[in-house]
Amino acid sequence: MILNAEKYKGAAFDVIVLAGQSNALGCGVGSVENAYVPTSDVLYLKDTFAVKFENDPDGKVTLKVKRPTDFVISEAEESDTEDGRKAGNLSLSFARQYVREGKLEKGRRLLIVFGPEGGTGFARNEWGVNGSLYIRLCDMLDELQQLTSDIRLKAFLWHQGECDAFEIPQLTPKERYEKYLKDLSEQMDDFVKRYSCKNLPFVCGGFVEEWTRANEKPCSAVLQALQDFCTKIGGKFVDTSGMDSNDQDSGNGDHLHFCRRELYNLGEKYYEAYLSLEKK
């Protein structure tokens, strides 16, 4: 259930779905110009349960996701790191551009259904039609539909694949490509049918270039699958060449995640991609 449902009952929402793993979750730190300022017009719908990895009795690492769980709607804002710094999120700069360019009609709010979790993928059944995080994402949307009938699904923003580049190491590049393309296709086919949104703009993007170069073969298989999926459905793949990691920005040793500045840039790139799809 949505804990503060009464506050938003009957509200008019433009809805952006955000899903994937850590670069969608937002692990980028560092300084930015014109930092995002929260506003009552841009909201997050989030799980209140702290999803986490745990060892099961057999020693296998599994993601603990609570179901049923409680969700909450709040002003969208950057998260805080353990050392008190702000961590960026691509959905925020996307949302800022959406509002700035007059996409949000008077009396409506932009609601970001916040579904990503770090280190997750299809291989361990966290994403995919029967995946715990995909099911949670659908639960959020189902609860939202109970809250109000005035929902306009605007875009599905996906940033994921780093996990699946390395899980199931015995896969050949061809097998990895085929598996990822199949898993993503099945998930999105289910989503489109479930929410009757055949022409919903789908945007995804590449990985940190520095990390990709160091892991070229497995990454190439997944990145090609992402690009081919976009070609198949008429979505948009965002090129991330030249975008800095946390380590390149601040020397913190993190080569996997975009720095905060680049997450702002990535969100704007996602918005431009969305805009190009919307105009078709």
C-alpha atoms as a PDB file:
ATOM      1  CA  MET A   1       0.000   0.000   0.000  1.00  0.00           C
ATOM      2  CA  ILE A   2       0.967   3.661  -0.371  1.00  0.00           C
ATOM      3  CA  LEU A   3       1.271   4.965   3.173  1.00  0.00           C
ATOM      4  CA  ASN A   4       0.356   8.573   2.372  1.00  0.00           C
ATOM      5  CA  ALA A   5      -2.234   7.724  -0.262  1.00  0.00           C
ATOM      6  CA  GLU A   6      -4.871  10.096   1.125  1.00  0.00           C
ATOM      7  CA  LYS A   7      -2.652  13.114   0.424  1.00  0.00           C
ATOM      8  CA  TYR A   8      -2.515  12.267  -3.285  1.00  0.00           C
ATOM      9  CA  LYS A   9      -5.840  10.524  -3.863  1.00  0.00           C
ATOM     10  CA  GLY A  10      -7.250  11.527  -7.247  1.00  0.00           C
ATOM     11  CA  ALA A  11      -4.121  13.488  -8.205  1.00  0.00           C
ATOM     12  CA  ALA A  12      -3.114  13.919 -11.843  1.00  0.00           C
ATOM     13  CA  PHE A  13       0.273  12.345 -12.615  1.00  0.00           C
ATOM     14  CA  ASP A  14       2.628  12.169 -15.539  1.00  0.00           C
ATOM     15  CA  VAL A  15       4.586   9.005 -14.745  1.00  0.00           C
ATOM     16  CA  ILE A  16       8.209   8.178 -15.500  1.00  0.00           C
ATOM     17  CA  VAL A  17       9.393   4.642 -14.702  1.00  0.00           C
ATOM     18  CA  LEU A  18      13.021   4.376 -13.579  1.00  0.00           C
ATOM     19  CA  ALA A  19      14.485   0.865 -13.374  1.00  0.00           C
ATOM     20  CA  GLY A  20      17.788  -0.992 -13.450  1.00  0.00           C
ATOM     21  CA  GLN A  21      20.841  -1.228 -11.222  1.00  0.00           C
ATOM     22  CA  SER A  22      23.397   1.070  -9.578  1.00  0.00           C
ATOM     23  CA  ASN A  23      23.852   3.671 -12.311  1.00  0.00           C
ATOM     24  CA  ALA A  24      20.061   4.049 -12.360  1.00  0.00           C
ATOM     25  CA  LEU A  25      19.996   4.099  -8.558  1.00  0.00           C
ATOM     26  CA  GLY A  26      22.638   6.841  -8.647  1.00  0.00           C
ATOM     27  CA  CYS A  27      26.051   6.348  -7.042  1.00  0.00           C
ATOM     28  CA  GLY A  28      27.707   9.410  -8.525  1.00  0.00           C
ATOM     29  CA  VAL A  29      29.432  11.843  -6.176  1.00  0.00           C
ATOM     30  CA  GLY A  30      31.393  15.047  -6.663  1.00  0.00           C
ATOM     31  CA  SER A  31      30.580  18.667  -7.302  1.00  0.00           C
ATOM     32  CA  VAL A  32      28.003  19.949  -9.794  1.00  0.00           C
ATOM     33  CA  GLU A  33      26.905  23.339 -11.007  1.00  0.00           C
ATOM     34  CA  ASN A  34      23.231  24.161 -10.596  1.00  0.00           C
ATOM     35  CA  ALA A  35      22.407  21.279  -8.248  1.00  0.00           C
ATOM     36  CA  TYR A  36      18.887  19.900  -8.367  1.00  0.00           C
ATOM     37  CA  VAL A  37      16.436  21.656  -6.043  1.00  0.00           C
ATOM     38  CA  PRO A  38      13.445  19.588  -4.852  1.00  0.00           C
ATOM     39  CA  THR A  39       9.985  20.812  -5.811  1.00  0.00           C
ATOM     40  CA  SER A  40       6.448  19.718  -4.999  1.00  0.00           C
ATOM     41  CA  ASP A  41       5.814  19.202  -8.729  1.00  0.00           C
ATOM     42  CA  VAL A  42       8.329  16.336  -9.043  1.00  0.00           C
ATOM     43  CA  LEU A  43       7.809  13.292  -6.820  1.00  0.00           C
ATOM     44  CA  TYR A  44       9.231   9.850  -6.159  1.00  0.00           C
ATOM     45  CA  LEU A  45       7.208   6.721  -5.447  1.00  0.00           C
ATOM     46  CA  LYS A  46       9.532   4.483  -3.427  1.00  0.00           C
ATOM     47  CA  ASP A  47       9.605   1.293  -1.382  1.00  0.00           C
ATOM     48  CA  THR A  48       9.931   1.887   2.370  1.00  0.00           C
ATOM     49  CA  PHE A  49      11.668  -1.472   2.855  1.00  0.00           C
ATOM     50  CA  ALA A  50      15.479  -1.401   2.726  1.00  0.00           C
ATOM     51  CA  VAL A  51      16.159  -4.029   0.064  1.00  0.00           C
ATOM     52  CA  LYS A  52      19.501  -5.758   0.644  1.00  0.00           C
ATOM     53  CA  PHE A  53      21.627  -8.755  -0.248  1.00  0.00           C
ATOM     54  CA  GLU A  54      21.791 -11.562   2.308  1.00  0.00           C
ATOM     55  CA  ASN A  55      23.319 -15.029   2.520  1.00  0.00           C
ATOM     56  CA  ASP A  56      20.715 -17.796   2.603  1.00  0.00           C
ATOM     57  CA  PRO A  57      21.283 -21.010   4.644  1.00  0.00           C
ATOM     58  CA  ASP A  58      23.143 -22.563   1.691  1.00  0.00           C
ATOM     59  CA  GLY A  59      25.535 -19.625   1.523  1.00  0.00           C
ATOM     60  CA  LYS A  60      23.985 -18.304  -1.678  1.00  0.00           C
ATOM     61  CA  VAL A  61      23.670 -14.538  -1.930  1.00  0.00           C
ATOM     62  CA  THR A  62      20.087 -13.453  -2.561  1.00  0.00           C
ATOM     63  CA  LEU A  63      18.318 -10.129  -2.714  1.00  0.00           C
ATOM     64  CA  LYS A  64      15.817  -9.724   0.090  1.00  0.00           C
ATOM     65  CA  VAL A  65      12.729  -7.959  -1.240  1.00  0.00           C
ATOM     66  CA  LYS A  66       9.631  -7.670   0.944  1.00  0.00           C
ATOM     67  CA  ARG A  67       6.214  -8.445  -0.503  1.00  0.00           C
ATOM     68  CA  PRO A  68       3.737  -7.119   0.291  1.00  0.00           C
ATOM     69  CA  THR A  69       5.477  -3.918   1.271  1.00  0.00           C
ATOM     70  CA  ASP A  70       4.628  -0.274   1.847  1.00  0.00           C
ATOM     71  CA  PHE A  71       5.395   2.526  -0.576  1.00  0.00           C
ATOM     72  CA  VAL A  72       5.545   6.260  -0.038  1.00  0.00           C
ATOM     73  CA  ILE A  73       5.290   9.346  -2.237  1.00  0.00           C
ATOM     74  CA  SER A  74       7.699  12.175  -1.478  1.00  0.00           C
ATOM     75  CA  GLU A  75       9.467  15.067  -3.178  1.00  0.00           C
ATOM     76  CA  ALA A  76      12.158  13.707  -5.479  1.00  0.00           C
ATOM     77  CA  GLU A  77      15.658  14.556  -4.296  1.00  0.00           C
ATOM     78  CA  GLU A  78      19.240  13.357  -4.354  1.00  0.00           C
ATOM     79  CA  SER A  79      20.170  10.719  -1.805  1.00  0.00           C
ATOM     80  CA  ASP A  80      22.828  11.148   0.880  1.00  0.00           C
ATOM     81  CA  THR A  81      25.930   8.975   0.995  1.00  0.00           C
ATOM     82  CA  GLU A  82      27.259   7.508   4.234  1.00  0.00           C
ATOM     83  CA  ASP A  83      29.819  10.303   4.460  1.00  0.00           C
ATOM     84  CA  GLY A  84      27.198  13.013   4.025  1.00  0.00           C
ATOM     85  CA  ARG A  85      27.685  13.849   0.357  1.00  0.00           C
ATOM     86  CA  LYS A  86      24.950  14.084  -2.250  1.00  0.00           C
ATOM     87  CA  ALA A  87      24.636  11.316  -4.835  1.00  0.00           C
ATOM     88  CA  GLY A  88      23.165  12.210  -8.207  1.00  0.00           C
ATOM     89  CA  ASN A  89      20.357  10.490 -10.075  1.00  0.00           C
ATOM     90  CA  LEU A  90      19.668  10.722 -13.793  1.00  0.00           C
ATOM     91  CA  SER A  91      15.905  10.971 -13.285  1.00  0.00           C
ATOM     92  CA  LEU A  92      16.246  14.331 -11.554  1.00  0.00           C
ATOM     93  CA  SER A  93      17.896  16.216 -14.403  1.00  0.00           C
ATOM     94  CA  PHE A  94      15.476  14.426 -16.764  1.00  0.00           C
ATOM     95  CA  ALA A  95      12.558  15.685 -14.676  1.00  0.00           C
ATOM     96  CA  ARG A  96      13.973  19.215 -14.483  1.00  0.00           C
ATOM     97  CA  GLN A  97      14.161  19.420 -18.273  1.00  0.00           C
ATOM     98  CA  TYR A  98      10.668  17.954 -18.580  1.00  0.00           C
ATOM     99  CA  VAL A  99       9.247  20.709 -16.386  1.00  0.00           C
ATOM    100  CA  ARG A 100      11.396  23.509 -17.827  1.00  0.00           C
ATOM    101  CA  GLU A 101      10.283  22.752 -21.355  1.00  0.00           C
ATOM    102  CA  GLY A 102       6.608  22.930 -20.465  1.00  0.00           C
ATOM    103  CA  LYS A 103       5.810  19.232 -20.672  1.00  0.00           C
ATOM    104  CA  LEU A 104       4.011  19.246 -17.324  1.00  0.00           C
ATOM    105  CA  GLU A 105       0.549  20.701 -17.747  1.00  0.00           C
ATOM    106  CA  LYS A 106      -0.927  22.939 -15.074  1.00  0.00           C
ATOM    107  CA  GLY A 107      -2.480  20.955 -12.242  1.00  0.00           C
ATOM    108  CA  ARG A 108      -0.397  17.844 -12.910  1.00  0.00           C
ATOM    109  CA  ARG A 109       2.672  16.438 -11.151  1.00  0.00           C
ATOM    110  CA  LEU A 110       5.559  14.400 -12.467  1.00  0.00           C
ATOM    111  CA  LEU A 111       5.855  11.130 -10.535  1.00  0.00           C
ATOM    112  CA  ILE A 112       8.975   8.979 -10.873  1.00  0.00           C
ATOM    113  CA  VAL A 113       8.295   5.338 -10.015  1.00  0.00           C
ATOM    114  CA  PHE A 114      11.666   4.525  -8.458  1.00  0.00           C
ATOM    115  CA  GLY A 115      12.575   0.886  -9.048  1.00  0.00           C
ATOM    116  CA  PRO A 116      16.389   0.435  -9.311  1.00  0.00           C
ATOM    117  CA  GLU A 117      18.647  -1.475  -6.941  1.00  0.00           C
ATOM    118  CA  GLY A 118      22.429  -1.787  -7.150  1.00  0.00           C
ATOM    119  CA  GLY A 119      24.109  -4.964  -8.371  1.00  0.00           C
ATOM    120  CA  THR A 120      20.945  -6.501  -9.803  1.00  0.00           C
ATOM    121  CA  GLY A 121      20.105  -8.152 -13.088  1.00  0.00           C
ATOM    122  CA  PHE A 122      18.324 -10.877 -15.006  1.00  0.00           C
ATOM    123  CA  ALA A 123      20.827 -13.632 -14.186  1.00  0.00           C
ATOM    124  CA  ARG A 124      19.753 -13.970 -10.542  1.00  0.00           C
ATOM    125  CA  ASN A 125      16.060 -13.403 -11.293  1.00  0.00           C
ATOM    126  CA  GLU A 126      15.931  -9.908  -9.805  1.00  0.00           C
ATOM    127  CA  TRP A 127      14.778  -8.436 -13.118  1.00  0.00           C
ATOM    128  CA  GLY A 128      12.738 -10.259 -15.737  1.00  0.00           C
ATOM    129  CA  VAL A 129       9.082 -11.272 -15.851  1.00  0.00           C
ATOM    130  CA  ASN A 130       9.363 -13.327 -12.660  1.00  0.00           C
ATOM    131  CA  GLY A 131      12.065 -11.197 -11.048  1.00  0.00           C
ATOM    132  CA  SER A 132      11.519  -9.793  -7.563  1.00  0.00           C
ATOM    133  CA  LEU A 133      12.327  -6.211  -8.570  1.00  0.00           C
ATOM    134  CA  TYR A 134      10.177  -6.299 -11.684  1.00  0.00           C
ATOM    135  CA  ILE A 135       7.275  -7.634  -9.608  1.00  0.00           C
ATOM    136  CA  ARG A 136       7.862  -4.839  -7.074  1.00  0.00           C
ATOM    137  CA  LEU A 137       7.864  -2.288  -9.898  1.00  0.00           C
ATOM    138  CA  CYS A 138       4.513  -3.578 -11.112  1.00  0.00           C
ATOM    139  CA  ASP A 139       3.183  -3.532  -7.556  1.00  0.00           C
ATOM    140  CA  MET A 140       4.046   0.176  -7.368  1.00  0.00           C
ATOM    141  CA  LEU A 141       2.162   0.915 -10.565  1.00  0.00           C
ATOM    142  CA  ASP A 142      -0.785  -1.211  -9.487  1.00  0.00           C
ATOM    143  CA  GLU A 143      -1.014   0.676  -6.195  1.00  0.00           C
ATOM    144  CA  LEU A 144      -0.786   3.946  -8.106  1.00  0.00           C
ATOM    145  CA  GLN A 145      -3.714   2.912 -10.284  1.00  0.00           C
ATOM    146  CA  GLN A 146      -5.734   2.327  -7.124  1.00  0.00           C
ATOM    147  CA  LEU A 147      -4.829   5.835  -5.994  1.00  0.00           C
ATOM    148  CA  THR A 148      -5.927   7.720  -9.100  1.00  0.00           C
ATOM    149  CA  SER A 149      -7.278   7.131 -12.576  1.00  0.00           C
ATOM    150  CA  ASP A 150      -5.496  10.187 -13.993  1.00  0.00           C
ATOM    151  CA  ILE A 151      -2.178   8.571 -14.887  1.00  0.00           C
ATOM    152  CA  ARG A 152      -0.234   9.235 -18.068  1.00  0.00           C
ATOM    153  CA  LEU A 153       2.696   6.856 -18.550  1.00  0.00           C
ATOM    154  CA  LYS A 154       5.342   8.948 -20.292  1.00  0.00           C
ATOM    155  CA  ALA A 155       8.600   6.980 -20.427  1.00  0.00           C
ATOM    156  CA  PHE A 156      10.464   3.902 -19.248  1.00  0.00           C
ATOM    157  CA  LEU A 157      14.063   4.776 -18.302  1.00  0.00           C
ATOM    158  CA  TRP A 158      16.314   1.707 -18.047  1.00  0.00           C
ATOM    159  CA  HIS A 159      19.966   1.622 -17.025  1.00  0.00           C
ATOM    160  CA  GLN A 160      21.205  -1.884 -16.361  1.00  0.00           C
ATOM    161  CA  GLY A 161      23.522  -4.549 -17.714  1.00  0.00           C
ATOM    162  CA  GLU A 162      26.795  -4.295 -15.835  1.00  0.00           C
ATOM    163  CA  CYS A 163      25.685  -7.176 -13.606  1.00  0.00           C
ATOM    164  CA  ASP A 164      24.656  -9.394 -16.504  1.00  0.00           C
ATOM    165  CA  ALA A 165      27.950  -8.789 -18.274  1.00  0.00           C
ATOM    166  CA  PHE A 166      29.599 -10.997 -15.619  1.00  0.00           C
ATOM    167  CA  GLU A 167      27.009 -13.307 -14.091  1.00  0.00           C
ATOM    168  CA  ILE A 168      26.988 -16.887 -15.451  1.00  0.00           C
ATOM    169  CA  PRO A 169      30.661 -16.703 -16.515  1.00  0.00           C
ATOM    170  CA  GLN A 170      30.473 -19.841 -18.659  1.00  0.00           C
ATOM    171  CA  LEU A 171      28.340 -18.048 -21.271  1.00  0.00           C
ATOM    172  CA  THR A 172      29.985 -17.272 -24.591  1.00  0.00           C
ATOM    173  CA  PRO A 173      29.575 -13.686 -25.864  1.00  0.00           C
ATOM    174  CA  LYS A 174      26.935 -14.926 -28.321  1.00  0.00           C
ATOM    175  CA  GLU A 175      25.028 -16.747 -25.577  1.00  0.00           C
ATOM    176  CA  ARG A 176      25.281 -13.712 -23.294  1.00  0.00           C
ATOM    177  CA  TYR A 177      23.928 -11.480 -26.021  1.00  0.00           C
ATOM    178  CA  GLU A 178      21.033 -13.833 -26.776  1.00  0.00           C
ATOM    179  CA  LYS A 179      20.113 -14.306 -23.130  1.00  0.00           C
ATOM    180  CA  TYR A 180      20.087 -10.592 -22.352  1.00  0.00           C
ATOM    181  CA  LEU A 181      18.075  -9.718 -25.437  1.00  0.00           C
ATOM    182  CA  LYS A 182      15.543 -12.456 -24.643  1.00  0.00           C
ATOM    183  CA  ASP A 183      15.211 -11.490 -20.962  1.00  0.00           C
ATOM    184  CA  LEU A 184      14.795  -7.781 -21.656  1.00  0.00           C
ATOM    185  CA  SER A 185      12.358  -8.415 -24.510  1.00  0.00           C
ATOM    186  CA  GLU A 186      10.171 -10.677 -22.385  1.00  0.00           C
ATOM    187  CA  GLN A 187      10.142  -8.201 -19.500  1.00  0.00           C
ATOM    188  CA  MET A 188       9.193  -5.241 -21.653  1.00  0.00           C
ATOM    189  CA  ASP A 189       6.630  -7.229 -23.658  1.00  0.00           C
ATOM    190  CA  ASP A 190       4.961  -8.109 -20.362  1.00  0.00           C
ATOM    191  CA  PHE A 191       5.074  -4.485 -19.190  1.00  0.00           C
ATOM    192  CA  VAL A 192       3.548  -3.160 -22.410  1.00  0.00           C
ATOM    193  CA  LYS A 193       0.721  -5.703 -22.310  1.00  0.00           C
ATOM    194  CA  ARG A 194       0.114  -5.247 -18.588  1.00  0.00           C
ATOM    195  CA  TYR A 195      -0.219  -1.470 -18.801  1.00  0.00           C
ATOM    196  CA  SER A 196      -1.502  -1.116 -22.389  1.00  0.00           C
ATOM    197  CA  CYS A 197       1.344   1.211 -23.363  1.00  0.00           C
ATOM    198  CA  LYS A 198       2.484  -0.003 -26.782  1.00  0.00           C
ATOM    199  CA  ASN A 199       4.077   3.302 -27.804  1.00  0.00           C
ATOM    200  CA  LEU A 200       5.698   4.111 -24.461  1.00  0.00           C
ATOM    201  CA  PRO A 201       9.149   5.657 -25.090  1.00  0.00           C
ATOM    202  CA  PHE A 202      11.908   3.318 -23.878  1.00  0.00           C
ATOM    203  CA  VAL A 203      15.341   4.824 -23.205  1.00  0.00           C
ATOM    204  CA  CYS A 204      18.487   3.033 -22.060  1.00  0.00           C
ATOM    205  CA  GLY A 205      22.195   3.835 -22.120  1.00  0.00           C
ATOM    206  CA  GLY A 206      25.756   2.619 -22.201  1.00  0.00           C
ATOM    207  CA  PHE A 207      28.094   1.930 -19.314  1.00  0.00           C
ATOM    208  CA  VAL A 208      30.993   4.007 -18.005  1.00  0.00           C
ATOM    209  CA  GLU A 209      33.505   4.031 -20.863  1.00  0.00           C
ATOM    210  CA  GLU A 210      36.518   3.512 -18.584  1.00  0.00           C
ATOM    211  CA  TRP A 211      34.990   0.349 -17.072  1.00  0.00           C
ATOM    212  CA  THR A 212      33.730  -0.893 -20.423  1.00  0.00           C
ATOM    213  CA  ARG A 213      37.171  -0.681 -22.029  1.00  0.00           C
ATOM    214  CA  ALA A 214      38.615  -2.778 -19.215  1.00  0.00           C
ATOM    215  CA  ASN A 215      35.884  -5.420 -19.674  1.00  0.00           C
ATOM    216  CA  GLU A 216      35.320  -5.198 -23.389  1.00  0.00           C
ATOM    217  CA  LYS A 217      34.121  -8.681 -24.396  1.00  0.00           C
ATOM    218  CA  PRO A 218      31.364  -9.276 -21.833  1.00  0.00           C
ATOM    219  CA  CYS A 219      30.225  -5.657 -21.956  1.00  0.00           C
ATOM    220  CA  SER A 220      30.048  -5.637 -25.746  1.00  0.00           C
ATOM    221  CA  ALA A 221      27.582  -8.526 -25.754  1.00  0.00           C
ATOM    222  CA  VAL A 222      25.177  -6.780 -23.389  1.00  0.00           C
ATOM    223  CA  LEU A 223      25.556  -3.363 -25.002  1.00  0.00           C
ATOM    224  CA  GLN A 224      24.823  -4.830 -28.419  1.00  0.00           C
ATOM    225  CA  ALA A 225      21.723  -6.499 -27.005  1.00  0.00           C
ATOM    226  CA  LEU A 226      20.538  -3.175 -25.586  1.00  0.00           C
ATOM    227  CA  GLN A 227      21.076  -1.414 -28.898  1.00  0.00           C
ATOM    228  CA  ASP A 228      19.379  -4.163 -30.889  1.00  0.00           C
ATOM    229  CA  PHE A 229      16.419  -4.171 -28.502  1.00  0.00           C
ATOM    230  CA  CYS A 230      15.990  -0.428 -29.054  1.00  0.00           C
ATOM    231  CA  THR A 231      16.132  -0.952 -32.817  1.00  0.00           C
ATOM    232  CA  LYS A 232      13.507  -3.693 -32.557  1.00  0.00           C
ATOM    233  CA  ILE A 233      10.976  -1.719 -30.525  1.00  0.00           C
ATOM    234  CA  GLY A 234      11.757   1.811 -31.688  1.00  0.00           C
ATOM    235  CA  GLY A 235      13.443   2.832 -28.437  1.00  0.00           C
ATOM    236  CA  LYS A 236      16.584   4.905 -27.972  1.00  0.00           C
ATOM    237  CA  PHE A 237      20.058   3.910 -26.799  1.00  0.00           C
ATOM    238  CA  VAL A 238      22.093   6.771 -25.287  1.00  0.00           C
ATOM    239  CA  ASP A 239      25.805   6.820 -26.084  1.00  0.00           C
ATOM    240  CA  THR A 240      27.947   7.403 -22.973  1.00  0.00           C
ATOM    241  CA  SER A 241      31.345   7.676 -24.642  1.00  0.00           C
ATOM    242  CA  GLY A 242      33.676  10.037 -22.828  1.00  0.00           C
ATOM    243  CA  MET A 243      31.554  10.329 -19.694  1.00  0.00           C
ATOM    244  CA  ASP A 244      33.620  10.239 -16.489  1.00  0.00           C
ATOM    245  CA  SER A 245      33.520   7.713 -13.680  1.00  0.00           C
ATOM    246  CA  ASN A 246      33.666   8.637 -10.009  1.00  0.00           C
ATOM    247  CA  ASP A 247      37.370   7.803 -10.036  1.00  0.00           C
ATOM    248  CA  GLN A 248      38.068  10.040 -13.018  1.00  0.00           C
ATOM    249  CA  ASP A 249      36.222  12.881 -11.320  1.00  0.00           C
ATOM    250  CA  SER A 250      37.422  12.559  -7.733  1.00  0.00           C
ATOM    251  CA  GLY A 251      40.002   9.746  -7.606  1.00  0.00           C
ATOM    252  CA  ASN A 252      37.976   7.569  -5.227  1.00  0.00           C
ATOM    253  CA  GLY A 253      38.772   4.270  -6.971  1.00  0.00           C
ATOM    254  CA  ASP A 254      35.241   3.726  -8.297  1.00  0.00           C
ATOM    255  CA  HIS A 255      35.531   2.964 -12.022  1.00  0.00           C
ATOM    256  CA  LEU A 256      32.051   1.453 -12.430  1.00  0.00           C
ATOM    257  CA  HIS A 257      29.777   4.392 -11.673  1.00  0.00           C
ATOM    258  CA  PHE A 258      29.223   7.681 -13.420  1.00  0.00           C
ATOM    259  CA  CYS A 259      30.193  10.649 -11.279  1.00  0.00           C
ATOM    260  CA  ARG A 260      27.473  12.994 -10.085  1.00  0.00           C
ATOM    261  CA  ARG A 261      28.193  15.595 -12.775  1.00  0.00           C
ATOM    262  CA  GLU A 262      27.839  12.979 -15.493  1.00  0.00           C
ATOM    263  CA  LEU A 263      24.601  11.655 -14.020  1.00  0.00           C
ATOM    264  CA  TYR A 264      23.183  15.136 -14.525  1.00  0.00           C
ATOM    265  CA  ASN A 265      24.420  15.020 -18.116  1.00  0.00           C
ATOM    266  CA  LEU A 266      23.074  11.499 -18.555  1.00  0.00           C
ATOM    267  CA  GLY A 267      19.614  12.524 -17.395  1.00  0.00           C
ATOM    268  CA  GLU A 268      19.598  15.339 -19.944  1.00  0.00           C
ATOM    269  CA  LYS A 269      20.716  12.902 -22.650  1.00  0.00           C
ATOM    270  CA  TYR A 270      17.899  10.567 -21.656  1.00  0.00           C
ATOM    271  CA  TYR A 271      15.465  13.473 -21.881  1.00  0.00           C
ATOM    272  CA  GLU A 272      16.620  14.390 -25.390  1.00  0.00           C
ATOM    273  CA  ALA A 273      16.253  10.741 -26.385  1.00  0.00           C
ATOM    274  CA  TYR A 274      12.750  10.675 -24.900  1.00  0.00           C
ATOM    275  CA  LEU A 275      11.889  13.870 -26.774  1.00  0.00           C
ATOM    276  CA  SER A 276      12.978  12.374 -30.082  1.00  0.00           C
ATOM    277  CA  LEU A 277      10.765   9.332 -29.450  1.00  0.00           C
ATOM    278  CA  GLU A 278       7.793  11.387 -28.345  1.00  0.00           C
ATOM    279  CA  LYS A 279       7.875  13.372 -31.607  1.00  0.00           C
ATOM    280  CA  LYS A 280       7.638  10.254 -33.781  1.00  0.00           C
END
